[in-house]
Amino acid sequence: MAENNENKTQAQMMDIFVKELPQLRKSSDISQTTLGQRLGLSRQTISSIERGEVPITWSVYVAAVTLFYESKNIKDSEMLNFITTNRNYIIKFLNG
């Protein structure tokens, strides 16, 4: 049961991120092409993720969150609020 809750939380974080991705990218002045290059993806894949046509993987999610967090543009986002609320889960997940 705990694993189902963890998977649900992970999916919620990724859904929030995908919803916020276009705005985060634009506020960071990062094009789809540049973001794709930094994440090892094509511009088309970034575009498809933003449109919800291609699901984001956990590894791409973590890499992208790190990129935006370091640029400080994630500070006012719903995703950051979600991360703060679910801090214990995230720490447990990251620690294995």
Protein backbone atom coordinates (compact mmCIF):
# COMPACT_ATOMS: atom_id res chain seq x y z
CA MET A 1 0.00 0.00 0.00
CA ALA A 2 2.82 2.43 0.84
CA GLU A 3 4.34 1.77 -2.60
CA ASN A 4 1.07 2.77 -4.29
CA ASN A 5 1.06 6.05 -2.32
CA GLU A 6 4.68 6.68 -3.28
CA ASN A 7 3.93 6.02 -6.96
CA LYS A 8 0.91 8.34 -6.75
CA THR A 9 3.01 11.09 -5.18
CA GLN A 10 5.70 10.66 -7.82
CA ALA A 11 3.09 10.83 -10.59
CA GLN A 12 1.54 13.94 -9.03
CA MET A 13 4.91 15.71 -8.91
CA MET A 14 5.57 14.86 -12.54
CA ASP A 15 2.08 15.99 -13.61
CA ILE A 16 2.51 19.33 -11.85
CA PHE A 17 5.91 19.79 -13.45
CA VAL A 18 4.63 19.06 -16.96
CA LYS A 19 1.80 21.54 -16.42
CA GLU A 20 4.30 24.22 -15.33
CA LEU A 21 7.07 23.35 -17.80
CA PRO A 22 6.20 25.88 -20.54
CA GLN A 23 6.10 28.76 -18.04
CA LEU A 24 9.24 27.62 -16.21
CA ARG A 25 11.06 27.32 -19.50
CA LYS A 26 9.91 30.74 -20.71
CA SER A 27 10.68 32.48 -17.41
CA SER A 28 14.17 30.97 -17.59
CA ASP A 29 14.50 32.15 -21.20
CA ILE A 30 15.24 28.61 -22.33
CA SER A 31 13.98 27.42 -25.70
CA GLN A 32 12.65 23.93 -26.27
CA THR A 33 15.79 23.24 -28.30
CA THR A 34 18.13 24.37 -25.52
CA LEU A 35 16.21 22.47 -22.85
CA GLY A 36 16.28 19.38 -25.03
CA GLN A 37 20.04 19.69 -25.50
CA ARG A 38 20.61 20.07 -21.75
CA LEU A 39 18.46 17.02 -21.03
CA GLY A 40 19.68 14.89 -23.94
CA LEU A 41 16.34 15.11 -25.77
CA SER A 42 15.17 16.58 -29.05
CA ARG A 43 13.14 19.78 -29.34
CA GLN A 44 10.30 17.66 -30.65
CA THR A 45 10.33 15.51 -27.51
CA ILE A 46 10.22 18.58 -25.27
CA SER A 47 7.32 19.92 -27.31
CA SER A 48 5.50 16.58 -27.07
CA ILE A 49 6.04 16.47 -23.29
CA GLU A 50 4.66 19.99 -22.93
CA ARG A 51 1.57 19.05 -24.97
CA GLY A 52 1.07 15.89 -22.92
CA GLU A 53 1.60 13.63 -25.90
CA VAL A 54 4.69 11.93 -24.45
CA PRO A 55 4.98 11.09 -20.75
CA ILE A 56 7.98 12.48 -18.92
CA THR A 57 10.26 9.87 -17.35
CA TRP A 58 11.42 10.10 -13.75
CA SER A 59 15.06 10.64 -14.79
CA VAL A 60 14.14 13.49 -17.17
CA TYR A 61 11.89 14.97 -14.49
CA VAL A 62 14.70 14.95 -11.88
CA ALA A 63 17.21 16.43 -14.34
CA ALA A 64 14.80 19.17 -15.42
CA VAL A 65 13.75 20.05 -11.86
CA THR A 66 17.41 20.35 -10.93
CA LEU A 67 18.05 22.61 -13.92
CA PHE A 68 15.15 24.93 -13.08
CA TYR A 69 15.84 24.88 -9.35
CA GLU A 70 19.42 25.97 -9.96
CA SER A 71 18.13 28.82 -12.15
CA LYS A 72 15.94 29.89 -9.18
CA ASN A 73 12.85 30.09 -11.40
CA ILE A 74 11.11 27.28 -9.59
CA LYS A 75 10.73 29.25 -6.36
CA ASP A 76 7.17 30.47 -6.85
CA SER A 77 5.73 27.43 -8.53
CA GLU A 78 3.01 25.03 -7.49
CA MET A 79 5.60 22.28 -7.88
CA LEU A 80 7.81 23.78 -5.19
CA ASN A 81 4.81 23.94 -2.86
CA PHE A 82 4.11 20.29 -3.62
CA ILE A 83 7.74 19.34 -3.00
CA THR A 84 7.70 21.22 0.32
CA THR A 85 4.48 19.48 1.37
CA ASN A 86 5.84 16.04 0.44
CA ARG A 87 9.39 16.61 1.68
CA ASN A 88 9.58 13.44 3.80
CA TYR A 89 8.49 11.24 0.90
CA ILE A 90 11.00 12.85 -1.44
CA ILE A 91 13.88 12.44 1.00
CA LYS A 92 12.92 8.79 1.56
CA PHE A 93 12.75 8.25 -2.21
CA LEU A 94 16.10 9.88 -2.86
CA ASN A 95 17.78 7.92 -0.05
CA GLY A 96 16.50 4.65 -1.46
